[in-house]
Amino acid sequence: MRDAQKLLERALRRFPGDVSLWLNLPAALLSLDGALRADPRNFLALLMRAHILEAQGQTRQAARDIQRELAGARA
């Protein structure tokens, strides 16, 4: 999953006007949501979800994900 995310990010930087690439972000979020249902404290999934949300301009939700990461790291 990490490699797929990196490839998508690289493609978005190279082709920012390619709508089909941006349309893949909801699928990535669904996958991450599924991973977090299975393991709500999964650091990588929380980090990736926050990164995607931030890229979409959803900074409040991204901040909540970062807070969840930090809370999990302290536990």
PDB file of N, CA and C in Angstrom:
ATOM      1  N   MET A   1       0.832  -1.188   0.000  1.00  0.00           N
ATOM      2  CA  MET A   1       0.000   0.000   0.000  1.00  0.00           C
ATOM      3  C   MET A   1       0.874   1.248   0.000  1.00  0.00           C
ATOM      4  N   ARG A   2       1.982   1.208   0.727  1.00  0.00           N
ATOM      5  CA  ARG A   2       2.864   2.372   0.779  1.00  0.00           C
ATOM      6  C   ARG A   2       3.415   2.685  -0.608  1.00  0.00           C
ATOM      7  N   ASP A   3       3.803   1.670  -1.352  1.00  0.00           N
ATOM      8  CA  ASP A   3       4.340   1.894  -2.694  1.00  0.00           C
ATOM      9  C   ASP A   3       3.289   2.487  -3.620  1.00  0.00           C
ATOM     10  N   ALA A   4       2.061   1.999  -3.508  1.00  0.00           N
ATOM     11  CA  ALA A   4       0.978   2.532  -4.340  1.00  0.00           C
ATOM     12  C   ALA A   4       0.747   4.000  -4.040  1.00  0.00           C
ATOM     13  N   GLN A   5       0.779   4.352  -2.767  1.00  0.00           N
ATOM     14  CA  GLN A   5       0.593   5.751  -2.374  1.00  0.00           C
ATOM     15  C   GLN A   5       1.704   6.624  -2.947  1.00  0.00           C
ATOM     16  N   LYS A   6       2.931   6.148  -2.860  1.00  0.00           N
ATOM     17  CA  LYS A   6       4.059   6.917  -3.387  1.00  0.00           C
ATOM     18  C   LYS A   6       3.939   7.106  -4.893  1.00  0.00           C
ATOM     19  N   LEU A   7       3.537   6.052  -5.584  1.00  0.00           N
ATOM     20  CA  LEU A   7       3.363   6.161  -7.034  1.00  0.00           C
ATOM     21  C   LEU A   7       2.273   7.159  -7.386  1.00  0.00           C
ATOM     22  N   LEU A   8       1.177   7.125  -6.642  1.00  0.00           N
ATOM     23  CA  LEU A   8       0.086   8.066  -6.898  1.00  0.00           C
ATOM     24  C   LEU A   8       0.539   9.493  -6.639  1.00  0.00           C
ATOM     25  N   GLU A   9       1.251   9.715  -5.552  1.00  0.00           N
ATOM     26  CA  GLU A   9       1.740  11.062  -5.246  1.00  0.00           C
ATOM     27  C   GLU A   9       2.705  11.549  -6.326  1.00  0.00           C
ATOM     28  N   ARG A  10       3.587  10.681  -6.765  1.00  0.00           N
ATOM     29  CA  ARG A  10       4.548  11.051  -7.806  1.00  0.00           C
ATOM     30  C   ARG A  10       3.809  11.396  -9.105  1.00  0.00           C
ATOM     31  N   ALA A  11       2.817  10.592  -9.441  1.00  0.00           N
ATOM     32  CA  ALA A  11       2.044  10.852 -10.652  1.00  0.00           C
ATOM     33  C   ALA A  11       1.282  12.168 -10.543  1.00  0.00           C
ATOM     34  N   LEU A  12       0.738  12.459  -9.364  1.00  0.00           N
ATOM     35  CA  LEU A  12       0.006  13.719  -9.181  1.00  0.00           C
ATOM     36  C   LEU A  12       0.923  14.933  -9.297  1.00  0.00           C
ATOM     37  N   ARG A  13       2.152  14.800  -8.811  1.00  0.00           N
ATOM     38  CA  ARG A  13       3.100  15.909  -8.961  1.00  0.00           C
ATOM     39  C   ARG A  13       3.476  16.104 -10.426  1.00  0.00           C
ATOM     40  N   ARG A  14       3.620  15.018 -11.135  1.00  0.00           N
ATOM     41  CA  ARG A  14       4.039  15.107 -12.539  1.00  0.00           C
ATOM     42  C   ARG A  14       2.889  15.531 -13.449  1.00  0.00           C
ATOM     43  N   PHE A  15       1.689  15.047 -13.144  1.00  0.00           N
ATOM     44  CA  PHE A  15       0.520  15.340 -13.983  1.00  0.00           C
ATOM     45  C   PHE A  15      -0.619  15.896 -13.124  1.00  0.00           C
ATOM     46  N   PRO A  16      -0.465  17.091 -12.572  1.00  0.00           N
ATOM     47  CA  PRO A  16      -1.482  17.620 -11.658  1.00  0.00           C
ATOM     48  C   PRO A  16      -2.833  17.867 -12.305  1.00  0.00           C
ATOM     49  N   GLY A  17      -2.882  17.958 -13.605  1.00  0.00           N
ATOM     50  CA  GLY A  17      -4.148  18.192 -14.287  1.00  0.00           C
ATOM     51  C   GLY A  17      -4.869  16.920 -14.701  1.00  0.00           C
ATOM     52  N   ASP A  18      -4.323  15.754 -14.396  1.00  0.00           N
ATOM     53  CA  ASP A  18      -4.927  14.479 -14.789  1.00  0.00           C
ATOM     54  C   ASP A  18      -6.027  14.108 -13.798  1.00  0.00           C
ATOM     55  N   VAL A  19      -7.251  14.325 -14.212  1.00  0.00           N
ATOM     56  CA  VAL A  19      -8.404  14.104 -13.341  1.00  0.00           C
ATOM     57  C   VAL A  19      -8.500  12.652 -12.894  1.00  0.00           C
ATOM     58  N   SER A  20      -8.141  11.718 -13.764  1.00  0.00           N
ATOM     59  CA  SER A  20      -8.264  10.305 -13.387  1.00  0.00           C
ATOM     60  C   SER A  20      -7.382   9.965 -12.192  1.00  0.00           C
ATOM     61  N   LEU A  21      -6.237  10.624 -12.070  1.00  0.00           N
ATOM     62  CA  LEU A  21      -5.378  10.386 -10.910  1.00  0.00           C
ATOM     63  C   LEU A  21      -6.037  10.896  -9.635  1.00  0.00           C
ATOM     64  N   TRP A  22      -6.617  12.070  -9.708  1.00  0.00           N
ATOM     65  CA  TRP A  22      -7.280  12.635  -8.527  1.00  0.00           C
ATOM     66  C   TRP A  22      -8.488  11.797  -8.124  1.00  0.00           C
ATOM     67  N   LEU A  23      -9.133  11.167  -9.088  1.00  0.00           N
ATOM     68  CA  LEU A  23     -10.297  10.347  -8.772  1.00  0.00           C
ATOM     69  C   LEU A  23      -9.911   9.071  -8.028  1.00  0.00           C
ATOM     70  N   ASN A  24      -8.653   8.698  -8.035  1.00  0.00           N
ATOM     71  CA  ASN A  24      -8.202   7.529  -7.302  1.00  0.00           C
ATOM     72  C   ASN A  24      -8.072   7.799  -5.811  1.00  0.00           C
ATOM     73  N   LEU A  25      -8.028   9.050  -5.407  1.00  0.00           N
ATOM     74  CA  LEU A  25      -7.878   9.371  -3.986  1.00  0.00           C
ATOM     75  C   LEU A  25      -9.028   8.832  -3.133  1.00  0.00           C
ATOM     76  N   PRO A  26     -10.291   8.927  -3.579  1.00  0.00           N
ATOM     77  CA  PRO A  26     -11.349   8.338  -2.752  1.00  0.00           C
ATOM     78  C   PRO A  26     -11.164   6.839  -2.541  1.00  0.00           C
ATOM     79  N   ALA A  27     -10.677   6.126  -3.559  1.00  0.00           N
ATOM     80  CA  ALA A  27     -10.430   4.691  -3.397  1.00  0.00           C
ATOM     81  C   ALA A  27      -9.338   4.459  -2.358  1.00  0.00           C
ATOM     82  N   ALA A  28      -8.326   5.300  -2.385  1.00  0.00           N
ATOM     83  CA  ALA A  28      -7.250   5.172  -1.400  1.00  0.00           C
ATOM     84  C   ALA A  28      -7.793   5.430   0.005  1.00  0.00           C
ATOM     85  N   LEU A  29      -8.643   6.425   0.143  1.00  0.00           N
ATOM     86  CA  LEU A  29      -9.232   6.720   1.456  1.00  0.00           C
ATOM     87  C   LEU A  29     -10.104   5.563   1.940  1.00  0.00           C
ATOM     88  N   LEU A  30     -10.859   4.949   1.030  1.00  0.00           N
ATOM     89  CA  LEU A  30     -11.678   3.806   1.417  1.00  0.00           C
ATOM     90  C   LEU A  30     -10.815   2.657   1.904  1.00  0.00           C
ATOM     91  N   SER A  31      -9.713   2.414   1.215  1.00  0.00           N
ATOM     92  CA  SER A  31      -8.799   1.344   1.629  1.00  0.00           C
ATOM     93  C   SER A  31      -8.222   1.635   3.007  1.00  0.00           C
ATOM     94  N   LEU A  32      -7.832   2.877   3.221  1.00  0.00           N
ATOM     95  CA  LEU A  32      -7.261   3.252   4.512  1.00  0.00           C
ATOM     96  C   LEU A  32      -8.304   3.173   5.619  1.00  0.00           C
ATOM     97  N   ASP A  33      -9.527   3.573   5.310  1.00  0.00           N
ATOM     98  CA  ASP A  33     -10.601   3.461   6.296  1.00  0.00           C
ATOM     99  C   ASP A  33     -10.820   2.002   6.682  1.00  0.00           C
ATOM    100  N   GLY A  34     -10.751   1.110   5.697  1.00  0.00           N
ATOM    101  CA  GLY A  34     -10.886  -0.316   5.979  1.00  0.00           C
ATOM    102  C   GLY A  34      -9.751  -0.815   6.860  1.00  0.00           C
ATOM    103  N   ALA A  35      -8.543  -0.371   6.563  1.00  0.00           N
ATOM    104  CA  ALA A  35      -7.393  -0.769   7.382  1.00  0.00           C
ATOM    105  C   ALA A  35      -7.556  -0.270   8.812  1.00  0.00           C
ATOM    106  N   LEU A  36      -8.082   0.933   8.964  1.00  0.00           N
ATOM    107  CA  LEU A  36      -8.257   1.499  10.302  1.00  0.00           C
ATOM    108  C   LEU A  36      -9.413   0.850  11.060  1.00  0.00           C
ATOM    109  N   ARG A  37     -10.390   0.329  10.345  1.00  0.00           N
ATOM    110  CA  ARG A  37     -11.436  -0.436  11.035  1.00  0.00           C
ATOM    111  C   ARG A  37     -10.836  -1.722  11.609  1.00  0.00           C
ATOM    112  N   ALA A  38      -9.923  -2.316  10.846  1.00  0.00           N
ATOM    113  CA  ALA A  38      -9.270  -3.543  11.312  1.00  0.00           C
ATOM    114  C   ALA A  38      -8.290  -3.253  12.446  1.00  0.00           C
ATOM    115  N   ASP A  39      -7.603  -2.119  12.363  1.00  0.00           N
ATOM    116  CA  ASP A  39      -6.604  -1.752  13.377  1.00  0.00           C
ATOM    117  C   ASP A  39      -6.622  -0.229  13.541  1.00  0.00           C
ATOM    118  N   PRO A  40      -7.480   0.285  14.431  1.00  0.00           N
ATOM    119  CA  PRO A  40      -7.647   1.736  14.584  1.00  0.00           C
ATOM    120  C   PRO A  40      -6.384   2.491  14.978  1.00  0.00           C
ATOM    121  N   ARG A  41      -5.369   1.799  15.458  1.00  0.00           N
ATOM    122  CA  ARG A  41      -4.145   2.470  15.895  1.00  0.00           C
ATOM    123  C   ARG A  41      -2.994   2.239  14.917  1.00  0.00           C
ATOM    124  N   ASN A  42      -3.306   1.800  13.700  1.00  0.00           N
ATOM    125  CA  ASN A  42      -2.263   1.540  12.718  1.00  0.00           C
ATOM    126  C   ASN A  42      -1.622   2.866  12.298  1.00  0.00           C
ATOM    127  N   PHE A  43      -0.377   3.050  12.707  1.00  0.00           N
ATOM    128  CA  PHE A  43       0.329   4.312  12.500  1.00  0.00           C
ATOM    129  C   PHE A  43       0.433   4.676  11.022  1.00  0.00           C
ATOM    130  N   LEU A  44       0.821   3.720  10.196  1.00  0.00           N
ATOM    131  CA  LEU A  44       0.998   4.000   8.770  1.00  0.00           C
ATOM    132  C   LEU A  44      -0.321   4.407   8.111  1.00  0.00           C
ATOM    133  N   ALA A  45      -1.395   3.699   8.416  1.00  0.00           N
ATOM    134  CA  ALA A  45      -2.691   4.027   7.818  1.00  0.00           C
ATOM    135  C   ALA A  45      -3.160   5.414   8.256  1.00  0.00           C
ATOM    136  N   LEU A  46      -2.975   5.738   9.541  1.00  0.00           N
ATOM    137  CA  LEU A  46      -3.359   7.069  10.021  1.00  0.00           C
ATOM    138  C   LEU A  46      -2.544   8.159   9.328  1.00  0.00           C
ATOM    139  N   LEU A  47      -1.259   7.927   9.198  1.00  0.00           N
ATOM    140  CA  LEU A  47      -0.389   8.908   8.560  1.00  0.00           C
ATOM    141  C   LEU A  47      -0.756   9.105   7.092  1.00  0.00           C
ATOM    142  N   MET A  48      -0.969   8.006   6.381  1.00  0.00           N
ATOM    143  CA  MET A  48      -1.326   8.104   4.964  1.00  0.00           C
ATOM    144  C   MET A  48      -2.670   8.806   4.778  1.00  0.00           C
ATOM    145  N   ARG A  49      -3.632   8.471   5.641  1.00  0.00           N
ATOM    146  CA  ARG A  49      -4.955   9.102   5.540  1.00  0.00           C
ATOM    147  C   ARG A  49      -4.845  10.605   5.790  1.00  0.00           C
ATOM    148  N   ALA A  50      -4.078  10.987   6.797  1.00  0.00           N
ATOM    149  CA  ALA A  50      -3.899  12.411   7.087  1.00  0.00           C
ATOM    150  C   ALA A  50      -3.245  13.126   5.915  1.00  0.00           C
ATOM    151  N   HIS A  51      -2.275  12.478   5.294  1.00  0.00           N
ATOM    152  CA  HIS A  51      -1.576  13.087   4.163  1.00  0.00           C
ATOM    153  C   HIS A  51      -2.531  13.314   2.986  1.00  0.00           C
ATOM    154  N   ILE A  52      -3.352  12.335   2.679  1.00  0.00           N
ATOM    155  CA  ILE A  52      -4.313  12.479   1.576  1.00  0.00           C
ATOM    156  C   ILE A  52      -5.323  13.570   1.891  1.00  0.00           C
ATOM    157  N   LEU A  53      -5.844  13.563   3.117  1.00  0.00           N
ATOM    158  CA  LEU A  53      -6.821  14.596   3.496  1.00  0.00           C
ATOM    159  C   LEU A  53      -6.219  15.988   3.408  1.00  0.00           C
ATOM    160  N   GLU A  54      -4.980  16.117   3.846  1.00  0.00           N
ATOM    161  CA  GLU A  54      -4.320  17.420   3.763  1.00  0.00           C
ATOM    162  C   GLU A  54      -4.169  17.857   2.306  1.00  0.00           C
ATOM    163  N   ALA A  55      -3.792  16.937   1.442  1.00  0.00           N
ATOM    164  CA  ALA A  55      -3.640  17.249   0.020  1.00  0.00           C
ATOM    165  C   ALA A  55      -4.962  17.679  -0.601  1.00  0.00           C
ATOM    166  N   GLN A  56      -6.059  17.178  -0.060  1.00  0.00           N
ATOM    167  CA  GLN A  56      -7.394  17.537  -0.553  1.00  0.00           C
ATOM    168  C   GLN A  56      -7.924  18.816   0.092  1.00  0.00           C
ATOM    169  N   GLY A  57      -7.147  19.404   0.994  1.00  0.00           N
ATOM    170  CA  GLY A  57      -7.578  20.625   1.645  1.00  0.00           C
ATOM    171  C   GLY A  57      -8.420  20.400   2.882  1.00  0.00           C
ATOM    172  N   GLN A  58      -8.536  19.168   3.328  1.00  0.00           N
ATOM    173  CA  GLN A  58      -9.323  18.843   4.521  1.00  0.00           C
ATOM    174  C   GLN A  58      -8.393  18.849   5.739  1.00  0.00           C
ATOM    175  N   THR A  59      -7.899  20.038   6.058  1.00  0.00           N
ATOM    176  CA  THR A  59      -6.864  20.149   7.078  1.00  0.00           C
ATOM    177  C   THR A  59      -7.367  19.810   8.483  1.00  0.00           C
ATOM    178  N   ARG A  60      -8.614  20.111   8.786  1.00  0.00           N
ATOM    179  CA  ARG A  60      -9.132  19.779  10.125  1.00  0.00           C
ATOM    180  C   ARG A  60      -9.172  18.270  10.342  1.00  0.00           C
ATOM    181  N   GLN A  61      -9.680  17.556   9.353  1.00  0.00           N
ATOM    182  CA  GLN A  61      -9.739  16.102   9.475  1.00  0.00           C
ATOM    183  C   GLN A  61      -8.325  15.520   9.506  1.00  0.00           C
ATOM    184  N   ALA A  62      -7.430  16.072   8.711  1.00  0.00           N
ATOM    185  CA  ALA A  62      -6.037  15.622   8.724  1.00  0.00           C
ATOM    186  C   ALA A  62      -5.431  15.828  10.101  1.00  0.00           C
ATOM    187  N   ALA A  63      -5.716  16.968  10.718  1.00  0.00           N
ATOM    188  CA  ALA A  63      -5.194  17.248  12.058  1.00  0.00           C
ATOM    189  C   ALA A  63      -5.741  16.247  13.074  1.00  0.00           C
ATOM    190  N   ARG A  64      -7.009  15.872  12.924  1.00  0.00           N
ATOM    191  CA  ARG A  64      -7.580  14.859  13.836  1.00  0.00           C
ATOM    192  C   ARG A  64      -6.856  13.526  13.683  1.00  0.00           C
ATOM    193  N   ASP A  65      -6.512  13.173  12.443  1.00  0.00           N
ATOM    194  CA  ASP A  65      -5.784  11.925  12.220  1.00  0.00           C
ATOM    195  C   ASP A  65      -4.394  11.995  12.849  1.00  0.00           C
ATOM    196  N   ILE A  66      -3.742  13.130  12.725  1.00  0.00           N
ATOM    197  CA  ILE A  66      -2.411  13.298  13.335  1.00  0.00           C
ATOM    198  C   ILE A  66      -2.532  13.182  14.858  1.00  0.00           C
ATOM    199  N   GLN A  67      -3.592  13.782  15.435  1.00  0.00           N
ATOM    200  CA  GLN A  67      -3.797  13.679  16.872  1.00  0.00           C
ATOM    201  C   GLN A  67      -4.005  12.227  17.286  1.00  0.00           C
ATOM    202  N   ARG A  68      -4.739  11.456  16.472  1.00  0.00           N
ATOM    203  CA  ARG A  68      -4.929  10.032  16.765  1.00  0.00           C
ATOM    204  C   ARG A  68      -3.601   9.293  16.718  1.00  0.00           C
ATOM    205  N   GLU A  69      -2.750   9.662  15.759  1.00  0.00           N
ATOM    206  CA  GLU A  69      -1.425   9.048  15.671  1.00  0.00           C
ATOM    207  C   GLU A  69      -0.635   9.291  16.950  1.00  0.00           C
ATOM    208  N   LEU A  70      -0.627  10.561  17.368  1.00  0.00           N
ATOM    209  CA  LEU A  70       0.142  10.922  18.555  1.00  0.00           C
ATOM    210  C   LEU A  70      -0.407  10.245  19.814  1.00  0.00           C
ATOM    211  N   ALA A  71      -1.717  10.167  19.916  1.00  0.00           N
ATOM    212  CA  ALA A  71      -2.330   9.493  21.064  1.00  0.00           C
ATOM    213  C   ALA A  71      -1.939   8.023  21.071  1.00  0.00           C
ATOM    214  N   GLY A  72      -1.932   7.402  19.896  1.00  0.00           N
ATOM    215  CA  GLY A  72      -1.540   5.995  19.795  1.00  0.00           C
ATOM    216  C   GLY A  72      -0.084   5.785  20.102  1.00  0.00           C
ATOM    217  N   ALA A  73       0.748   6.739  19.739  1.00  0.00           N
ATOM    218  CA  ALA A  73       2.190   6.623  19.990  1.00  0.00           C
ATOM    219  C   ALA A  73       2.481   6.704  21.476  1.00  0.00           C
ATOM    220  N   ARG A  74       1.674   7.454  22.215  1.00  0.00           N
ATOM    221  CA  ARG A  74       1.879   7.605  23.653  1.00  0.00           C
ATOM    222  C   ARG A  74       1.380   6.394  24.434  1.00  0.00           C
ATOM    223  N   ALA A  75       0.435   5.654  23.836  1.00  0.00           N
ATOM    224  CA  ALA A  75      -0.172   4.513  24.554  1.00  0.00           C
ATOM    225  C   ALA A  75       0.760   3.316  24.603  1.00  0.00           C
TER     226      ALA A  75
END
